[in-house]
């Protein structure tokens, strides 16, 4: 599943990501908000999920 959050600002990309992960094991998150990477890092640490940076504005997030 691909989730396009480009143009959205914190905290919307993380909120939409959390909702999308309820429906899918993996989500490719597209986000150009500079706060996404630190927010994603904190969110993954708190929820136990994982992510990897694919490109500057592209992340692969996996539900654990």
Protein backbone atom coordinates (compact mmCIF):
# COMPACT_ATOMS: atom_id res chain seq x y z
CA UNK A 1 0.00 0.00 0.00
CA UNK A 2 1.27 3.48 -0.82
CA UNK A 3 0.26 6.48 1.28
CA UNK A 4 0.88 9.90 -0.27
CA UNK A 5 1.14 12.54 2.46
CA UNK A 6 3.17 15.06 0.47
CA UNK A 7 2.09 18.58 1.31
CA UNK A 8 0.76 17.56 4.73
CA UNK A 9 2.38 18.81 7.90
CA UNK A 10 3.01 17.24 11.28
CA UNK A 11 1.26 15.33 12.75
CA UNK A 12 -0.97 14.32 9.79
CA UNK A 13 1.49 11.95 8.02
CA UNK A 14 1.98 9.88 11.19
CA UNK A 15 -1.73 9.85 12.01
CA UNK A 16 -2.60 8.67 8.49
CA UNK A 17 0.22 6.11 8.63
CA UNK A 18 -1.07 4.62 11.89
CA UNK A 19 -4.54 4.27 10.37
CA UNK A 20 -3.16 2.69 7.18
CA UNK A 21 -1.11 0.12 9.08
CA UNK A 22 -4.32 -1.27 10.56
CA UNK A 23 -5.25 -2.34 7.01
CA UNK A 24 -1.84 -3.43 5.69
CA UNK A 25 1.37 -5.08 6.90
CA UNK A 26 3.54 -2.65 4.92
CA UNK A 27 3.04 0.93 3.86
CA UNK A 28 5.19 3.06 1.61
CA UNK A 29 4.90 6.54 3.06
CA UNK A 30 5.54 9.54 0.83
CA UNK A 31 6.03 12.69 2.88
CA UNK A 32 7.95 15.89 2.25
CA UNK A 33 7.42 17.32 5.76
CA UNK A 34 10.86 17.86 7.38
CA UNK A 35 9.44 16.60 10.69
CA UNK A 36 8.51 13.20 9.23
CA UNK A 37 11.81 11.43 9.88
CA UNK A 38 12.13 12.41 13.56
CA UNK A 39 8.39 11.82 14.08
CA UNK A 40 8.61 8.43 12.37
CA UNK A 41 11.61 7.48 14.48
CA UNK A 42 9.77 8.34 17.72
CA UNK A 43 6.56 6.68 16.57
CA UNK A 44 8.36 3.44 15.58
CA UNK A 45 10.16 3.34 18.92
CA UNK A 46 6.91 3.81 20.84
CA UNK A 47 4.83 1.33 18.80
CA UNK A 48 7.47 -1.32 18.06
CA UNK A 49 7.00 -1.00 14.30
CA UNK A 50 9.93 -0.60 11.92
CA UNK A 51 10.79 1.60 8.98
CA UNK A 52 13.55 2.22 6.50
CA UNK A 53 14.34 5.31 4.48
CA UNK A 54 14.09 4.57 0.76
CA UNK A 55 14.61 8.16 -0.45
CA UNK A 56 14.47 11.67 0.98
CA UNK A 57 10.67 11.66 1.03
CA UNK A 58 9.93 7.92 0.81
CA UNK A 59 9.79 5.44 3.70
CA UNK A 60 8.92 1.74 3.93
CA UNK A 61 7.05 1.11 7.17
CA UNK A 62 6.37 -2.42 8.46
CA UNK A 63 3.92 -3.42 11.13
CA UNK A 64 5.40 -5.81 13.67
